[in-house]
Amino acid sequence: MPVVKFSEQNLVRNSFRGQNLKDFTFFKTKLKNVRFDRNNAGTRTQLRRTNFSESFTGEGLISR
């Protein structure tokens, strides 16, 4: 799977439920109502090596 970059974007109401986000980059990305939880089949979202550096929600910076 190629590396996917959402750097410096505004993501609003996106759903990544149950997807494999391994090696994705969300550097300096604004996340508003974005979902990373399990999908309806119970599959967990894979976040291994996902970069959320300097990303923030409407509530503030995301901490790991």
PDB file of N, CA and C in Angstrom:
ATOM      1  N   MET A   1       0.839  -1.175   0.000  1.00  0.00           N
ATOM      2  CA  MET A   1       0.000   0.000   0.000  1.00  0.00           C
ATOM      3  C   MET A   1       0.888   1.244   0.000  1.00  0.00           C
ATOM      4  N   PRO A   2       0.630   2.206  -0.859  1.00  0.00           N
ATOM      5  CA  PRO A   2       1.445   3.424  -0.892  1.00  0.00           C
ATOM      6  C   PRO A   2       1.196   4.290   0.341  1.00  0.00           C
ATOM      7  N   VAL A   3       2.181   5.080   0.687  1.00  0.00           N
ATOM      8  CA  VAL A   3       2.030   6.004   1.807  1.00  0.00           C
ATOM      9  C   VAL A   3       1.040   7.090   1.405  1.00  0.00           C
ATOM     10  N   VAL A   4       0.082   7.360   2.293  1.00  0.00           N
ATOM     11  CA  VAL A   4      -0.947   8.365   2.017  1.00  0.00           C
ATOM     12  C   VAL A   4      -0.712   9.551   2.943  1.00  0.00           C
ATOM     13  N   LYS A   5      -0.752  10.739   2.383  1.00  0.00           N
ATOM     14  CA  LYS A   5      -0.509  11.948   3.165  1.00  0.00           C
ATOM     15  C   LYS A   5      -1.740  12.850   3.136  1.00  0.00           C
ATOM     16  N   PHE A   6      -2.195  13.214   4.328  1.00  0.00           N
ATOM     17  CA  PHE A   6      -3.261  14.194   4.482  1.00  0.00           C
ATOM     18  C   PHE A   6      -2.681  15.447   5.138  1.00  0.00           C
ATOM     19  N   SER A   7      -1.422  15.728   4.898  1.00  0.00           N
ATOM     20  CA  SER A   7      -0.735  16.833   5.559  1.00  0.00           C
ATOM     21  C   SER A   7      -1.380  18.173   5.264  1.00  0.00           C
ATOM     22  N   GLU A   8      -1.506  18.960   6.348  1.00  0.00           N
ATOM     23  CA  GLU A   8      -1.989  20.340   6.284  1.00  0.00           C
ATOM     24  C   GLU A   8      -3.337  20.470   5.575  1.00  0.00           C
ATOM     25  N   GLN A   9      -4.243  19.526   5.848  1.00  0.00           N
ATOM     26  CA  GLN A   9      -5.591  19.584   5.293  1.00  0.00           C
ATOM     27  C   GLN A   9      -6.603  19.756   6.409  1.00  0.00           C
ATOM     28  N   ASN A  10      -7.812  20.146   6.050  1.00  0.00           N
ATOM     29  CA  ASN A  10      -8.934  20.183   6.974  1.00  0.00           C
ATOM     30  C   ASN A  10      -9.832  19.006   6.643  1.00  0.00           C
ATOM     31  N   LEU A  11      -9.920  18.037   7.557  1.00  0.00           N
ATOM     32  CA  LEU A  11     -10.780  16.880   7.360  1.00  0.00           C
ATOM     33  C   LEU A  11     -12.001  17.036   8.261  1.00  0.00           C
ATOM     34  N   VAL A  12     -13.171  17.098   7.662  1.00  0.00           N
ATOM     35  CA  VAL A  12     -14.408  17.278   8.414  1.00  0.00           C
ATOM     36  C   VAL A  12     -15.346  16.122   8.094  1.00  0.00           C
ATOM     37  N   ARG A  13     -15.794  15.438   9.162  1.00  0.00           N
ATOM     38  CA  ARG A  13     -16.746  14.321   9.068  1.00  0.00           C
ATOM     39  C   ARG A  13     -16.254  13.176   8.189  1.00  0.00           C
ATOM     40  N   ASN A  14     -14.944  12.935   8.169  1.00  0.00           N
ATOM     41  CA  ASN A  14     -14.403  11.787   7.447  1.00  0.00           C
ATOM     42  C   ASN A  14     -14.513  10.554   8.330  1.00  0.00           C
ATOM     43  N   SER A  15     -14.696   9.408   7.725  1.00  0.00           N
ATOM     44  CA  SER A  15     -14.748   8.158   8.474  1.00  0.00           C
ATOM     45  C   SER A  15     -13.668   7.219   7.964  1.00  0.00           C
ATOM     46  N   PHE A  16     -12.774   6.832   8.883  1.00  0.00           N
ATOM     47  CA  PHE A  16     -11.738   5.862   8.581  1.00  0.00           C
ATOM     48  C   PHE A  16     -12.019   4.579   9.359  1.00  0.00           C
ATOM     49  N   ARG A  17     -13.261   4.344   9.726  1.00  0.00           N
ATOM     50  CA  ARG A  17     -13.664   3.211  10.560  1.00  0.00           C
ATOM     51  C   ARG A  17     -13.231   1.884   9.931  1.00  0.00           C
ATOM     52  N   GLY A  18     -12.462   1.105  10.687  1.00  0.00           N
ATOM     53  CA  GLY A  18     -12.054  -0.224  10.271  1.00  0.00           C
ATOM     54  C   GLY A  18     -11.030  -0.286   9.155  1.00  0.00           C
ATOM     55  N   GLN A  19     -10.423   0.838   8.811  1.00  0.00           N
ATOM     56  CA  GLN A  19      -9.452   0.852   7.718  1.00  0.00           C
ATOM     57  C   GLN A  19      -8.024   0.681   8.238  1.00  0.00           C
ATOM     58  N   ASN A  20      -7.144   0.267   7.366  1.00  0.00           N
ATOM     59  CA  ASN A  20      -5.723   0.131   7.699  1.00  0.00           C
ATOM     60  C   ASN A  20      -5.030   1.443   7.340  1.00  0.00           C
ATOM     61  N   LEU A  21      -4.690   2.235   8.359  1.00  0.00           N
ATOM     62  CA  LEU A  21      -4.041   3.534   8.150  1.00  0.00           C
ATOM     63  C   LEU A  21      -2.547   3.474   8.478  1.00  0.00           C
ATOM     64  N   LYS A  22      -1.980   2.284   8.442  1.00  0.00           N
ATOM     65  CA  LYS A  22      -0.562   2.096   8.747  1.00  0.00           C
ATOM     66  C   LYS A  22       0.286   2.950   7.808  1.00  0.00           C
ATOM     67  N   ASP A  23       1.179   3.739   8.385  1.00  0.00           N
ATOM     68  CA  ASP A  23       2.097   4.623   7.659  1.00  0.00           C
ATOM     69  C   ASP A  23       1.429   5.848   7.028  1.00  0.00           C
ATOM     70  N   PHE A  24       0.180   6.130   7.349  1.00  0.00           N
ATOM     71  CA  PHE A  24      -0.463   7.353   6.859  1.00  0.00           C
ATOM     72  C   PHE A  24       0.126   8.552   7.592  1.00  0.00           C
ATOM     73  N   THR A  25       0.036   9.729   6.992  1.00  0.00           N
ATOM     74  CA  THR A  25       0.530  10.962   7.604  1.00  0.00           C
ATOM     75  C   THR A  25      -0.607  11.979   7.695  1.00  0.00           C
ATOM     76  N   PHE A  26      -0.832  12.472   8.924  1.00  0.00           N
ATOM     77  CA  PHE A  26      -1.820  13.526   9.170  1.00  0.00           C
ATOM     78  C   PHE A  26      -1.107  14.744   9.764  1.00  0.00           C
ATOM     79  N   PHE A  27       0.106  15.045   9.306  1.00  0.00           N
ATOM     80  CA  PHE A  27       0.929  16.125   9.857  1.00  0.00           C
ATOM     81  C   PHE A  27       0.227  17.467   9.688  1.00  0.00           C
ATOM     82  N   LYS A  28       0.078  18.204  10.790  1.00  0.00           N
ATOM     83  CA  LYS A  28      -0.562  19.531  10.819  1.00  0.00           C
ATOM     84  C   LYS A  28      -1.953  19.515  10.170  1.00  0.00           C
ATOM     85  N   THR A  29      -2.695  18.445  10.389  1.00  0.00           N
ATOM     86  CA  THR A  29      -4.028  18.310   9.820  1.00  0.00           C
ATOM     87  C   THR A  29      -5.077  18.661  10.863  1.00  0.00           C
ATOM     88  N   LYS A  30      -6.097  19.402  10.475  1.00  0.00           N
ATOM     89  CA  LYS A  30      -7.203  19.728  11.360  1.00  0.00           C
ATOM     90  C   LYS A  30      -8.270  18.647  11.198  1.00  0.00           C
ATOM     91  N   LEU A  31      -8.587  17.972  12.310  1.00  0.00           N
ATOM     92  CA  LEU A  31      -9.555  16.874  12.300  1.00  0.00           C
ATOM     93  C   LEU A  31     -10.807  17.291  13.058  1.00  0.00           C
ATOM     94  N   LYS A  32     -11.936  17.339  12.376  1.00  0.00           N
ATOM     95  CA  LYS A  32     -13.195  17.738  13.004  1.00  0.00           C
ATOM     96  C   LYS A  32     -14.230  16.649  12.731  1.00  0.00           C
ATOM     97  N   ASN A  33     -14.704  15.998  13.786  1.00  0.00           N
ATOM     98  CA  ASN A  33     -15.691  14.912  13.678  1.00  0.00           C
ATOM     99  C   ASN A  33     -15.201  13.782  12.781  1.00  0.00           C
ATOM    100  N   VAL A  34     -13.930  13.412  12.914  1.00  0.00           N
ATOM    101  CA  VAL A  34     -13.342  12.316  12.140  1.00  0.00           C
ATOM    102  C   VAL A  34     -13.390  11.056  12.998  1.00  0.00           C
ATOM    103  N   ARG A  35     -13.784   9.938  12.392  1.00  0.00           N
ATOM    104  CA  ARG A  35     -13.961   8.688  13.129  1.00  0.00           C
ATOM    105  C   ARG A  35     -12.849   7.689  12.806  1.00  0.00           C
ATOM    106  N   PHE A  36     -12.292   7.101  13.889  1.00  0.00           N
ATOM    107  CA  PHE A  36     -11.262   6.070  13.775  1.00  0.00           C
ATOM    108  C   PHE A  36     -11.673   4.806  14.535  1.00  0.00           C
ATOM    109  N   ASP A  37     -12.926   4.688  14.921  1.00  0.00           N
ATOM    110  CA  ASP A  37     -13.374   3.557  15.724  1.00  0.00           C
ATOM    111  C   ASP A  37     -13.638   2.311  14.873  1.00  0.00           C
ATOM    112  N   ARG A  38     -14.080   1.234  15.515  1.00  0.00           N
ATOM    113  CA  ARG A  38     -14.387  -0.015  14.802  1.00  0.00           C
ATOM    114  C   ARG A  38     -15.543   0.195  13.836  1.00  0.00           C
ATOM    115  N   ASN A  39     -15.531  -0.553  12.746  1.00  0.00           N
ATOM    116  CA  ASN A  39     -16.656  -0.479  11.812  1.00  0.00           C
ATOM    117  C   ASN A  39     -17.777  -1.401  12.290  1.00  0.00           C
ATOM    118  N   ASN A  40     -18.862  -1.496  11.545  1.00  0.00           N
ATOM    119  CA  ASN A  40     -20.015  -2.290  11.956  1.00  0.00           C
ATOM    120  C   ASN A  40     -19.698  -3.775  12.069  1.00  0.00           C
ATOM    121  N   ALA A  41     -18.698  -4.252  11.351  1.00  0.00           N
ATOM    122  CA  ALA A  41     -18.296  -5.657  11.419  1.00  0.00           C
ATOM    123  C   ALA A  41     -17.362  -5.911  12.606  1.00  0.00           C
ATOM    124  N   GLY A  42     -16.990  -4.862  13.339  1.00  0.00           N
ATOM    125  CA  GLY A  42     -16.108  -4.999  14.501  1.00  0.00           C
ATOM    126  C   GLY A  42     -14.632  -4.902  14.176  1.00  0.00           C
ATOM    127  N   THR A  43     -14.285  -4.586  12.928  1.00  0.00           N
ATOM    128  CA  THR A  43     -12.881  -4.469  12.535  1.00  0.00           C
ATOM    129  C   THR A  43     -12.295  -3.176  13.092  1.00  0.00           C
ATOM    130  N   ARG A  44     -11.176  -3.297  13.782  1.00  0.00           N
ATOM    131  CA  ARG A  44     -10.520  -2.118  14.362  1.00  0.00           C
ATOM    132  C   ARG A  44      -9.768  -1.332  13.302  1.00  0.00           C
ATOM    133  N   THR A  45      -9.668  -0.035  13.503  1.00  0.00           N
ATOM    134  CA  THR A  45      -8.858   0.819  12.633  1.00  0.00           C
ATOM    135  C   THR A  45      -7.393   0.621  13.013  1.00  0.00           C
ATOM    136  N   GLN A  46      -6.544   0.344  12.032  1.00  0.00           N
ATOM    137  CA  GLN A  46      -5.129   0.111  12.267  1.00  0.00           C
ATOM    138  C   GLN A  46      -4.368   1.439  12.162  1.00  0.00           C
ATOM    139  N   LEU A  47      -3.716   1.845  13.260  1.00  0.00           N
ATOM    140  CA  LEU A  47      -3.025   3.138  13.301  1.00  0.00           C
ATOM    141  C   LEU A  47      -1.519   2.991  13.523  1.00  0.00           C
ATOM    142  N   ARG A  48      -0.976   1.809  13.325  1.00  0.00           N
ATOM    143  CA  ARG A  48       0.445   1.585  13.541  1.00  0.00           C
ATOM    144  C   ARG A  48       1.287   2.493  12.648  1.00  0.00           C
ATOM    145  N   ARG A  49       2.256   3.176  13.244  1.00  0.00           N
ATOM    146  CA  ARG A  49       3.174   4.086  12.541  1.00  0.00           C
ATOM    147  C   ARG A  49       2.450   5.226  11.815  1.00  0.00           C
ATOM    148  N   THR A  50       1.260   5.579  12.262  1.00  0.00           N
ATOM    149  CA  THR A  50       0.532   6.712  11.686  1.00  0.00           C
ATOM    150  C   THR A  50       1.034   7.991  12.348  1.00  0.00           C
ATOM    151  N   ASN A  51       1.318   9.013  11.543  1.00  0.00           N
ATOM    152  CA  ASN A  51       1.901  10.258  12.039  1.00  0.00           C
ATOM    153  C   ASN A  51       0.800  11.308  12.227  1.00  0.00           C
ATOM    154  N   PHE A  52       0.567  11.688  13.507  1.00  0.00           N
ATOM    155  CA  PHE A  52      -0.393  12.748  13.834  1.00  0.00           C
ATOM    156  C   PHE A  52       0.345  13.988  14.364  1.00  0.00           C
ATOM    157  N   SER A  53       1.624  14.146  14.061  1.00  0.00           N
ATOM    158  CA  SER A  53       2.411  15.265  14.584  1.00  0.00           C
ATOM    159  C   SER A  53       1.760  16.603  14.253  1.00  0.00           C
ATOM    160  N   GLU A  54       1.591  17.411  15.300  1.00  0.00           N
ATOM    161  CA  GLU A  54       1.053  18.765  15.198  1.00  0.00           C
ATOM    162  C   GLU A  54      -0.358  18.822  14.607  1.00  0.00           C
ATOM    163  N   SER A  55      -1.054  17.702  14.605  1.00  0.00           N
ATOM    164  CA  SER A  55      -2.452  17.700  14.169  1.00  0.00           C
ATOM    165  C   SER A  55      -3.321  18.171  15.330  1.00  0.00           C
ATOM    166  N   PHE A  56      -4.499  18.663  15.025  1.00  0.00           N
ATOM    167  CA  PHE A  56      -5.376  19.117  16.097  1.00  0.00           C
ATOM    168  C   PHE A  56      -6.833  18.904  15.731  1.00  0.00           C
ATOM    169  N   THR A  57      -7.632  18.800  16.791  1.00  0.00           N
ATOM    170  CA  THR A  57      -9.074  18.687  16.647  1.00  0.00           C
ATOM    171  C   THR A  57      -9.670  20.046  16.992  1.00  0.00           C
ATOM    172  N   GLY A  58     -10.962  20.141  16.984  1.00  0.00           N
ATOM    173  CA  GLY A  58     -11.605  21.375  17.415  1.00  0.00           C
ATOM    174  C   GLY A  58     -11.335  21.650  18.893  1.00  0.00           C
ATOM    175  N   GLU A  59     -10.900  20.618  19.631  1.00  0.00           N
ATOM    176  CA  GLU A  59     -10.639  20.726  21.065  1.00  0.00           C
ATOM    177  C   GLU A  59      -9.193  21.084  21.373  1.00  0.00           C
ATOM    178  N   GLY A  60      -8.288  20.938  20.424  1.00  0.00           N
ATOM    179  CA  GLY A  60      -6.878  21.218  20.676  1.00  0.00           C
ATOM    180  C   GLY A  60      -5.985  20.200  20.012  1.00  0.00           C
ATOM    181  N   LEU A  61      -4.714  20.211  20.379  1.00  0.00           N
ATOM    182  CA  LEU A  61      -3.746  19.291  19.773  1.00  0.00           C
ATOM    183  C   LEU A  61      -4.026  17.850  20.161  1.00  0.00           C
ATOM    184  N   ILE A  62      -3.725  16.927  19.260  1.00  0.00           N
ATOM    185  CA  ILE A  62      -3.857  15.507  19.548  1.00  0.00           C
ATOM    186  C   ILE A  62      -2.596  15.065  20.263  1.00  0.00           C
ATOM    187  N   SER A  63      -2.780  14.347  21.373  1.00  0.00           N
ATOM    188  CA  SER A  63      -1.617  13.833  22.091  1.00  0.00           C
ATOM    189  C   SER A  63      -1.576  12.325  21.953  1.00  0.00           C
ATOM    190  N   ARG A  64      -0.375  11.766  21.993  1.00  0.00           N
ATOM    191  CA  ARG A  64      -0.229  10.309  21.879  1.00  0.00           C
ATOM    192  C   ARG A  64       0.236   9.752  23.184  1.00  0.00           C
TER     193      ARG A  64
END
